Amino acid sequence: MRLDKFLKVSRLIKRRTLAKEVSDQGRITINGQQAKASSTVKVGDELQVRFGQKLVTVKVERLQETTRKEEAAGMYSIVKEEKVESEA
């Protein structure tokens, strides 16, 4: 599954266009490698997403084409969340 679609379906990022922008800015890595919106996501992959001052690491648990809001959080598990110091 494409990275931008996974981020939208799992509701880590609300809109696919926003997911594409975030990944194209280099704020997402898959298993430590820089990722583009078209990168393929597989079960077991570890994603690091940078949201402003927060770095969230999640593990992909399952892939689904569509999902209901209540089930979306089951697509991933949060490994860790940490604050990132801004580069001043």
Protein backbone atom coordinates (compact mmCIF):
# COMPACT_ATOMS: atom_id res chain seq x y z
CA MET A 1 0.00 0.00 0.00
CA ARG A 2 1.22 3.51 -0.76
CA LEU A 3 2.48 5.53 2.20
CA ASP A 4 0.13 8.47 1.61
CA LYS A 5 -2.89 6.13 1.44
CA PHE A 6 -1.86 4.27 4.60
CA LEU A 7 -1.49 7.54 6.54
CA LYS A 8 -4.97 8.64 5.44
CA VAL A 9 -6.77 5.31 5.96
CA SER A 10 -5.14 4.81 9.39
CA ARG A 11 -6.04 8.43 10.21
CA LEU A 12 -2.52 9.31 11.32
CA ILE A 13 -2.96 12.23 8.89
CA LYS A 14 -6.47 13.37 8.00
CA ARG A 15 -6.14 14.04 4.25
CA ARG A 16 -4.19 12.21 1.58
CA THR A 17 -2.97 15.47 0.00
CA LEU A 18 -1.57 16.53 3.37
CA ALA A 19 0.04 13.10 3.80
CA LYS A 20 1.68 13.55 0.39
CA GLU A 21 2.99 17.01 1.31
CA VAL A 22 4.41 15.80 4.64
CA SER A 23 6.21 12.85 3.04
CA ASP A 24 7.55 14.96 0.16
CA GLN A 25 9.01 17.39 2.74
CA GLY A 26 11.12 14.52 4.10
CA ARG A 27 9.36 14.31 7.47
CA ILE A 28 8.62 10.56 7.24
CA THR A 29 10.95 7.56 7.31
CA ILE A 30 10.17 3.87 6.82
CA ASN A 31 12.57 1.58 8.71
CA GLY A 32 15.08 4.44 8.89
CA GLN A 33 14.96 5.23 5.14
CA GLN A 34 13.62 8.55 3.81
CA ALA A 35 10.16 7.92 2.32
CA LYS A 36 8.16 9.47 -0.51
CA ALA A 37 4.36 9.46 -0.81
CA SER A 38 4.59 6.59 -3.31
CA SER A 39 6.75 4.41 -1.03
CA THR A 40 5.31 0.98 -0.27
CA VAL A 41 4.25 0.21 3.30
CA LYS A 42 4.18 -3.41 4.52
CA VAL A 43 3.01 -5.04 7.75
CA GLY A 44 5.82 -4.88 10.31
CA ASP A 45 7.34 -1.67 8.93
CA GLU A 46 8.26 1.06 11.40
CA LEU A 47 7.29 4.60 10.42
CA GLN A 48 8.68 7.76 11.98
CA VAL A 49 6.49 10.79 11.37
CA ARG A 50 7.47 14.29 12.43
CA PHE A 51 4.53 16.50 13.43
CA GLY A 52 6.00 19.91 14.22
CA GLN A 53 7.82 19.48 17.55
CA LYS A 54 6.75 15.85 18.00
CA LEU A 55 8.33 12.71 16.55
CA VAL A 56 5.97 9.72 16.51
CA THR A 57 7.20 6.18 15.80
CA VAL A 58 4.52 3.65 14.85
CA LYS A 59 4.59 0.01 13.79
CA VAL A 60 2.31 -1.09 10.94
CA GLU A 61 0.04 -3.87 12.26
CA ARG A 62 -2.27 -4.40 9.26
CA LEU A 63 -3.22 -2.93 5.91
CA GLN A 64 -6.77 -2.22 4.78
CA GLU A 65 -8.08 -0.36 1.74
CA THR A 66 -10.83 1.28 3.79
CA THR A 67 -11.69 1.30 7.46
CA ARG A 68 -14.16 2.79 9.88
CA LYS A 69 -13.03 5.43 12.34
CA GLU A 70 -13.25 3.05 15.31
CA GLU A 71 -11.03 0.45 13.61
CA ALA A 72 -8.41 2.84 12.17
CA ALA A 73 -6.22 2.88 15.29
CA GLY A 74 -5.87 -0.92 15.01
CA MET A 75 -3.85 -0.52 11.81
CA TYR A 76 -0.80 0.62 13.79
CA SER A 77 0.64 0.62 17.28
CA ILE A 78 2.56 3.53 18.73
CA VAL A 79 6.12 2.53 19.61
CA LYS A 80 7.15 5.90 21.07
CA GLU A 81 6.41 9.60 21.03
CA GLU A 82 9.07 12.16 21.77
CA LYS A 83 9.46 15.90 21.71
CA VAL A 84 11.93 17.27 19.18
CA GLU A 85 13.99 20.31 20.04
CA SER A 86 13.67 22.96 17.36
CA GLU A 87 16.83 23.80 15.47
CA ALA A 88 17.35 27.47 16.26
